[in-house]
Amino acid sequence: MTALVIDPGVFDPHNAEPELVAMNADIIALQKARPSPWSLPLETVREARRLGRGTFPLAPPDPHATLVWVAARDGHAIPVRILRPEGREAAGTFLHFHGGGWVFGTAAEGDPFLRHIADRTGLVVASVDYRLAPENVFPAGPDDCEDAALALIEGRLTDPEGVLPGDFLAIGGESAGAHLAALTLLRLRDRHGLTPFHAANLNAGCYDLSLTPSVRRFGAERLVLNTEDVATFVDHFLPVGLDPRSAEVSPLYAALHGLPPAFFTCGTCDLLIDDTLFMASRWLAGGNEAELSLLAGGCHVFQGFPSATGIRSIGAMEEFLRRRMTALLPHGPEQWQAPPLYT
């Protein structure tokens, strides 16, 4: 069983990575100079984000990505963006859910990150464009994620090269996407008796929609997100009257047995730090394997900004996936040489 070891020094501001300190100051200044996202129409904010005019820099679309669709339970088509590893046969599939507070974001915005995951692990990446709130409140988005997962497990998720491989299955996402990944694992287990995934890569997730102390205490200063942002995301996502501490919406309150080994990542300046600390501990207490990567001075999903620390953090996620593949597959990813990190 994995032990969670937390170095208290990682929370000392004096130990924060200097490049992250400088980056945080730039992000705060940028956001102070702009209007609140809640003062603008949601579609205006969504379009700005797609064009790289939001908080995160532009993520160029991958020229080799393909778009496919899977049928949802009510018959609508769920878009899934596929990135296959270049120059080698795929060893498995990583099912990914993008962030954006269940309100913003698209699968394509993760292309640069997901391209490196694909090429350095040998996994096909399938990123789901689930329905967004408030146009589609809970359970619409989680339903789409569950339906996409079932399509993958049942061999119905295909691209022009054929069925996506299922010998090794990983699941994950960042921010709201990490929440949706955890929720999908629980739905598969509880609704279908399925535990098909071999690894979970969970980055800066929101696991308690009633808001953990670190979210409630963060305040008005916007370092990517602030307290108001998370509260507004939840208000958009959940229908009136649904208890945010219900296990069906907040995985922190669910029974967490029978889940795959998980790699939890978070920066210490992320307002969702408590969510990661609490969830990693409960994951371990549920009898599962859990690893924890805390980055001193990292803001929310700091890997989305250019930095050497972000590159190392992504490399740690990839190394976790490769280790899980090696533990499961007889020839795993050791049969090929991983390409260099970002250049």
Protein backbone atom coordinates (compact mmCIF):
# COMPACT_ATOMS: atom_id res chain seq x y z
CA MET A 1 0.00 0.00 0.00
CA THR A 2 1.27 3.45 -0.90
CA ALA A 3 2.02 5.87 1.95
CA LEU A 4 1.28 9.58 1.60
CA VAL A 5 4.27 11.56 2.78
CA ILE A 6 3.90 15.34 2.96
CA ASP A 7 6.92 17.57 3.45
CA PRO A 8 5.75 20.55 5.54
CA GLY A 9 8.44 22.65 3.89
CA VAL A 10 6.47 22.63 0.65
CA PHE A 11 3.99 25.02 2.27
CA ASP A 12 6.67 27.50 3.37
CA PRO A 13 6.40 30.54 1.05
CA HIS A 14 10.18 30.90 1.18
CA ASN A 15 10.48 27.53 -0.58
CA ALA A 16 8.23 28.48 -3.49
CA GLU A 17 9.80 28.14 -6.92
CA PRO A 18 10.96 31.67 -7.91
CA GLU A 19 9.59 31.29 -11.43
CA LEU A 20 6.18 30.38 -9.99
CA VAL A 21 6.23 33.37 -7.65
CA ALA A 22 6.90 35.66 -10.60
CA MET A 23 4.27 33.91 -12.70
CA ASN A 24 1.67 34.25 -9.94
CA ALA A 25 2.32 38.00 -9.70
CA ASP A 26 1.88 38.34 -13.46
CA ILE A 27 -1.39 36.38 -13.39
CA ILE A 28 -2.79 38.47 -10.52
CA ALA A 29 -1.87 41.70 -12.30
CA LEU A 30 -3.40 40.48 -15.56
CA GLN A 31 -6.66 39.51 -13.91
CA LYS A 32 -6.88 42.75 -11.93
CA ALA A 33 -6.67 44.67 -15.20
CA ARG A 34 -9.59 42.75 -16.69
CA PRO A 35 -13.28 42.73 -15.83
CA SER A 36 -14.70 39.90 -13.76
CA PRO A 37 -15.66 36.99 -16.03
CA TRP A 38 -19.11 37.11 -14.42
CA SER A 39 -19.68 40.65 -15.75
CA LEU A 40 -19.58 39.33 -19.32
CA PRO A 41 -21.80 36.91 -21.28
CA LEU A 42 -20.59 33.35 -20.79
CA GLU A 43 -20.13 32.81 -24.52
CA THR A 44 -17.87 35.88 -24.67
CA VAL A 45 -15.64 34.38 -21.96
CA ARG A 46 -15.70 30.98 -23.67
CA GLU A 47 -14.63 32.46 -26.99
CA ALA A 48 -11.85 34.49 -25.37
CA ARG A 49 -10.59 31.34 -23.70
CA ARG A 50 -10.62 29.43 -27.01
CA LEU A 51 -8.60 32.23 -28.63
CA GLY A 52 -6.03 32.38 -25.83
CA ARG A 53 -7.31 35.75 -24.58
CA GLY A 54 -8.36 34.43 -21.19
CA THR A 55 -6.13 33.71 -18.22
CA PHE A 56 -4.40 30.73 -19.82
CA PRO A 57 -2.19 31.21 -22.90
CA LEU A 58 -3.27 30.03 -26.32
CA ALA A 59 -3.13 26.26 -26.80
CA PRO A 60 -2.58 25.61 -30.52
CA PRO A 61 -4.72 22.79 -31.90
CA ASP A 62 -2.87 19.56 -32.67
CA PRO A 63 -2.79 19.00 -36.44
CA HIS A 64 -3.05 15.23 -36.00
CA ALA A 65 -6.06 15.22 -33.66
CA THR A 66 -9.25 13.63 -34.94
CA LEU A 67 -12.80 14.20 -33.78
CA VAL A 68 -15.23 11.32 -33.33
CA TRP A 69 -18.64 11.02 -31.71
CA VAL A 70 -20.24 8.49 -29.41
CA ALA A 71 -23.95 8.09 -28.76
CA ALA A 72 -25.25 9.31 -25.41
CA ARG A 73 -28.05 7.62 -23.48
CA ASP A 74 -30.61 10.08 -24.84
CA GLY A 75 -29.33 9.80 -28.40
CA HIS A 76 -27.31 13.01 -28.72
CA ALA A 77 -23.74 12.78 -30.01
CA ILE A 78 -20.84 13.35 -27.60
CA PRO A 79 -17.70 14.75 -29.31
CA VAL A 80 -14.45 13.01 -28.35
CA ARG A 81 -11.07 14.35 -29.47
CA ILE A 82 -8.50 11.64 -30.23
CA LEU A 83 -4.71 12.00 -30.19
CA ARG A 84 -2.70 8.91 -31.02
CA PRO A 85 1.00 8.58 -30.14
CA GLU A 86 3.18 9.33 -33.12
CA GLY A 87 5.58 6.76 -34.50
CA ARG A 88 4.50 3.76 -32.41
CA GLU A 89 1.62 1.42 -31.80
CA ALA A 90 -0.61 2.52 -28.95
CA ALA A 91 -0.36 0.55 -25.69
CA GLY A 92 -3.68 1.65 -24.21
CA THR A 93 -6.00 4.63 -23.79
CA PHE A 94 -6.15 7.63 -21.48
CA LEU A 95 -9.70 8.99 -21.10
CA HIS A 96 -9.44 12.71 -20.34
CA PHE A 97 -11.89 15.37 -19.16
CA HIS A 98 -10.97 19.05 -19.54
CA GLY A 99 -11.24 21.71 -16.86
CA GLY A 100 -13.18 24.97 -16.81
CA GLY A 101 -15.48 24.79 -13.82
CA TRP A 102 -18.08 22.72 -15.70
CA VAL A 103 -18.92 26.02 -17.47
CA PHE A 104 -15.93 26.82 -19.69
CA GLY A 105 -13.36 24.87 -21.70
CA THR A 106 -13.11 22.49 -24.62
CA ALA A 107 -11.19 19.31 -25.30
CA ALA A 108 -9.07 21.09 -27.93
CA GLU A 109 -7.67 23.49 -25.32
CA GLY A 110 -5.69 20.61 -23.85
CA ASP A 111 -3.99 19.58 -27.11
CA PRO A 112 -0.36 20.57 -26.25
CA PHE A 113 -0.49 18.83 -22.86
CA LEU A 114 -2.30 15.79 -24.22
CA ARG A 115 0.06 15.46 -27.20
CA HIS A 116 2.97 15.06 -24.78
CA ILE A 117 1.01 12.56 -22.69
CA ALA A 118 0.33 10.51 -25.82
CA ASP A 119 3.87 10.61 -27.18
CA ARG A 120 5.64 10.02 -23.88
CA THR A 121 3.40 7.23 -22.59
CA GLY A 122 2.34 5.51 -25.80
CA LEU A 123 -1.32 5.94 -24.85
CA VAL A 124 -4.08 7.11 -27.13
CA VAL A 125 -5.72 10.14 -25.52
CA ALA A 126 -9.50 10.49 -25.82
CA SER A 127 -10.68 13.86 -24.48
CA VAL A 128 -14.42 14.30 -24.00
CA ASP A 129 -16.33 17.48 -24.89
CA TYR A 130 -19.05 16.96 -22.31
CA ARG A 131 -22.04 19.32 -22.12
CA LEU A 132 -21.44 22.50 -20.15
CA ALA A 133 -23.48 24.29 -17.50
CA PRO A 134 -25.58 26.34 -16.98
CA GLU A 135 -27.24 25.40 -20.25
CA ASN A 136 -26.92 21.77 -19.19
CA VAL A 137 -26.93 21.40 -15.42
CA PHE A 138 -26.02 18.29 -13.44
CA PRO A 139 -26.25 15.43 -14.32
CA ALA A 140 -25.74 16.28 -18.02
CA GLY A 141 -21.94 16.65 -17.99
CA PRO A 142 -21.27 13.61 -15.77
CA ASP A 143 -23.72 11.58 -17.88
CA ASP A 144 -21.70 12.38 -21.00
CA CYS A 145 -18.48 11.37 -19.24
CA GLU A 146 -20.02 8.10 -18.06
CA ASP A 147 -21.39 7.35 -21.53
CA ALA A 148 -18.01 8.03 -23.14
CA ALA A 149 -16.31 5.75 -20.60
CA LEU A 150 -18.80 2.97 -21.32
CA ALA A 151 -18.20 3.37 -25.06
CA LEU A 152 -14.46 3.00 -24.49
CA ILE A 153 -14.84 -0.03 -22.21
CA GLU A 154 -17.27 -1.76 -24.58
CA GLY A 155 -15.09 -1.19 -27.66
CA ARG A 156 -17.47 1.31 -29.26
CA LEU A 157 -15.03 4.24 -29.20
CA THR A 158 -13.24 4.21 -32.53
CA ASP A 159 -11.26 6.56 -34.75
CA PRO A 160 -10.09 6.14 -38.39
CA GLU A 161 -7.38 3.71 -37.19
CA GLY A 162 -9.84 1.45 -35.41
CA VAL A 163 -11.05 0.65 -31.92
CA LEU A 164 -9.17 2.47 -29.16
CA PRO A 165 -7.00 -0.08 -27.31
CA GLY A 166 -8.17 -1.28 -23.91
CA ASP A 167 -5.28 -3.41 -22.59
CA PHE A 168 -4.37 -0.51 -20.32
CA LEU A 169 -6.93 2.15 -19.38
CA ALA A 170 -6.20 5.40 -17.54
CA ILE A 171 -8.59 8.20 -16.65
CA GLY A 172 -8.07 11.75 -15.50
CA GLY A 173 -8.36 15.47 -15.93
CA GLU A 174 -7.63 18.80 -14.34
CA SER A 175 -9.81 20.99 -12.10
CA ALA A 176 -13.46 20.20 -12.93
CA GLY A 177 -12.13 17.44 -15.19
CA ALA A 178 -10.50 15.69 -12.23
CA HIS A 179 -13.85 15.88 -10.41
CA LEU A 180 -15.59 14.34 -13.43
CA ALA A 181 -12.97 11.58 -13.66
CA ALA A 182 -13.53 10.63 -10.00
CA LEU A 183 -17.29 10.77 -10.46
CA THR A 184 -17.05 8.55 -13.56
CA LEU A 185 -15.06 5.91 -11.68
CA LEU A 186 -17.71 5.87 -8.94
CA ARG A 187 -20.59 5.65 -11.42
CA LEU A 188 -18.95 2.76 -13.28
CA ARG A 189 -18.43 0.90 -10.01
CA ASP A 190 -21.83 1.58 -8.46
CA ARG A 191 -24.11 1.56 -11.50
CA HIS A 192 -22.44 -1.06 -13.67
CA GLY A 193 -20.23 -3.13 -11.37
CA LEU A 194 -17.22 -2.11 -13.46
CA THR A 195 -13.71 -1.23 -12.30
CA PRO A 196 -11.89 -1.26 -15.65
CA PHE A 197 -9.40 1.57 -15.22
CA HIS A 198 -5.85 0.84 -14.13
CA ALA A 199 -4.73 4.37 -13.20
CA ALA A 200 -6.16 7.81 -12.43
CA ASN A 201 -4.27 11.06 -13.06
CA LEU A 202 -6.05 13.76 -11.04
CA ASN A 203 -4.72 17.32 -11.23
CA ALA A 204 -6.03 20.09 -8.95
CA GLY A 205 -9.53 18.67 -8.71
CA CYS A 206 -12.60 20.07 -6.98
CA TYR A 207 -13.99 17.17 -4.96
CA ASP A 208 -16.20 18.97 -2.42
CA LEU A 209 -18.81 21.20 -4.05
CA SER A 210 -19.82 22.59 -0.66
CA LEU A 211 -16.35 24.26 -0.76
CA THR A 212 -13.41 23.17 1.36
CA PRO A 213 -11.80 25.60 3.84
CA SER A 214 -9.02 26.58 1.44
CA VAL A 215 -11.62 27.65 -1.13
CA ARG A 216 -13.80 29.51 1.38
CA ARG A 217 -10.82 31.33 2.91
CA PHE A 218 -9.07 32.24 -0.35
CA GLY A 219 -10.86 35.55 -0.77
CA ALA A 220 -11.34 38.00 -3.62
CA GLU A 221 -7.86 38.11 -5.15
CA ARG A 222 -8.04 36.17 -8.37
CA LEU A 223 -5.03 33.86 -8.90
CA VAL A 224 -6.60 32.05 -11.86
CA LEU A 225 -9.63 31.53 -9.57
CA ASN A 226 -10.98 33.04 -6.38
CA THR A 227 -13.66 32.06 -3.88
CA GLU A 228 -16.44 33.73 -5.89
CA ASP A 229 -15.43 31.85 -9.04
CA VAL A 230 -15.69 28.39 -7.50
CA ALA A 231 -18.97 29.24 -5.77
CA THR A 232 -20.40 30.57 -9.04
CA PHE A 233 -19.25 27.50 -10.95
CA VAL A 234 -21.08 25.31 -8.44
CA ASP A 235 -24.21 27.46 -8.67
CA HIS A 236 -24.19 27.09 -12.46
CA PHE A 237 -23.49 23.36 -12.33
CA LEU A 238 -25.92 22.14 -9.68
CA PRO A 239 -29.70 22.43 -9.93
CA VAL A 240 -31.50 24.19 -7.10
CA GLY A 241 -32.16 21.92 -4.15
CA LEU A 242 -29.40 19.37 -4.74
CA ASP A 243 -27.18 18.99 -1.67
CA PRO A 244 -23.58 19.85 -2.69
CA ARG A 245 -22.33 17.35 -0.10
CA SER A 246 -24.24 14.51 -1.70
CA ALA A 247 -21.91 11.71 -2.80
CA GLU A 248 -23.49 11.80 -6.24
CA VAL A 249 -21.99 15.24 -6.87
CA SER A 250 -19.07 15.49 -4.41
CA PRO A 251 -16.82 12.42 -4.59
CA LEU A 252 -15.07 13.39 -1.36
CA TYR A 253 -18.20 12.15 0.48
CA ALA A 254 -18.51 8.87 -1.44
CA ALA A 255 -17.33 5.41 -0.45
CA LEU A 256 -13.97 5.19 -2.19
CA HIS A 257 -13.19 1.47 -2.16
CA GLY A 258 -12.27 -0.46 -5.29
CA LEU A 259 -10.68 2.43 -7.20
CA PRO A 260 -7.45 2.40 -9.24
CA PRO A 261 -4.07 3.76 -8.16
CA ALA A 262 -4.22 7.54 -8.38
CA PHE A 263 -1.69 10.32 -8.82
CA PHE A 264 -2.85 13.56 -7.20
CA THR A 265 -1.15 16.82 -8.19
CA CYS A 266 -1.66 20.34 -6.82
CA GLY A 267 0.23 23.58 -6.29
CA THR A 268 0.38 24.98 -2.77
CA CYS A 269 -1.00 28.36 -3.91
CA ASP A 270 -4.02 26.70 -5.51
CA LEU A 271 -7.25 27.52 -3.68
CA LEU A 272 -8.26 23.85 -4.23
CA ILE A 273 -5.30 22.54 -2.22
CA ASP A 274 -7.56 21.16 0.54
CA ASP A 275 -9.58 19.22 -2.04
CA THR A 276 -6.44 17.40 -3.17
CA LEU A 277 -5.12 16.79 0.36
CA PHE A 278 -8.47 15.52 1.62
CA MET A 279 -9.23 13.39 -1.44
CA ALA A 280 -5.80 11.77 -1.57
CA SER A 281 -6.13 10.82 2.10
CA ARG A 282 -9.62 9.40 1.65
CA TRP A 283 -8.51 7.55 -1.50
CA LEU A 284 -5.81 5.84 0.56
CA ALA A 285 -8.21 5.20 3.44
CA GLY A 286 -10.54 3.48 0.97
CA GLY A 287 -7.91 0.79 0.47
CA ASN A 288 -6.51 2.15 -2.80
CA GLU A 289 -3.03 3.23 -3.83
CA ALA A 290 -2.42 6.97 -3.91
CA GLU A 291 0.54 9.20 -4.68
CA LEU A 292 0.69 12.92 -3.99
CA SER A 293 2.72 15.56 -5.83
CA LEU A 294 2.67 19.03 -4.25
CA LEU A 295 4.48 21.89 -5.98
CA ALA A 296 5.61 24.82 -3.82
CA GLY A 297 4.08 28.06 -5.06
CA GLY A 298 2.04 26.51 -7.84
CA CYS A 299 -1.25 28.24 -8.70
CA HIS A 300 -4.35 26.50 -10.04
CA VAL A 301 -3.35 24.21 -12.96
CA PHE A 302 0.01 25.97 -13.19
CA GLN A 303 1.05 23.40 -15.81
CA GLY A 304 -1.04 25.40 -18.29
CA PHE A 305 1.51 28.24 -18.16
CA PRO A 306 5.07 28.00 -19.50
CA SER A 307 7.53 27.10 -16.74
CA ALA A 308 10.25 24.57 -16.02
CA THR A 309 8.34 23.51 -12.89
CA GLY A 310 5.24 22.84 -14.97
CA ILE A 311 7.28 20.70 -17.33
CA ARG A 312 8.64 18.66 -14.42
CA SER A 313 5.15 18.25 -13.02
CA ILE A 314 3.79 16.94 -16.31
CA GLY A 315 6.78 14.63 -16.52
CA ALA A 316 5.89 13.20 -13.09
CA MET A 317 2.35 12.47 -14.31
CA GLU A 318 3.72 10.71 -17.36
CA GLU A 319 6.17 8.71 -15.26
CA PHE A 320 3.31 7.58 -13.01
CA LEU A 321 1.34 6.36 -16.04
CA ARG A 322 4.36 4.53 -17.42
CA ARG A 323 4.95 2.81 -14.07
CA ARG A 324 1.35 1.65 -13.92
CA MET A 325 1.62 0.36 -17.48
CA THR A 326 4.80 -1.52 -16.63
CA ALA A 327 3.08 -3.11 -13.63
CA LEU A 328 0.23 -4.37 -15.82
CA LEU A 329 1.63 -5.04 -19.28
CA PRO A 330 4.42 -7.58 -19.74
CA HIS A 331 6.28 -5.35 -22.17
CA GLY A 332 4.84 -2.00 -21.07
CA PRO A 333 6.36 1.26 -22.27
CA GLU A 334 9.94 0.05 -21.75
CA GLN A 335 9.90 -1.33 -25.29
CA TRP A 336 10.41 2.18 -26.63
CA GLN A 337 12.42 5.27 -25.68
CA ALA A 338 10.31 8.16 -24.45
CA PRO A 339 10.99 11.35 -26.44
CA PRO A 340 12.50 14.35 -24.65
CA LEU A 341 10.36 16.62 -22.54
CA TYR A 342 9.04 19.86 -24.02
CA THR A 343 11.41 21.60 -26.39
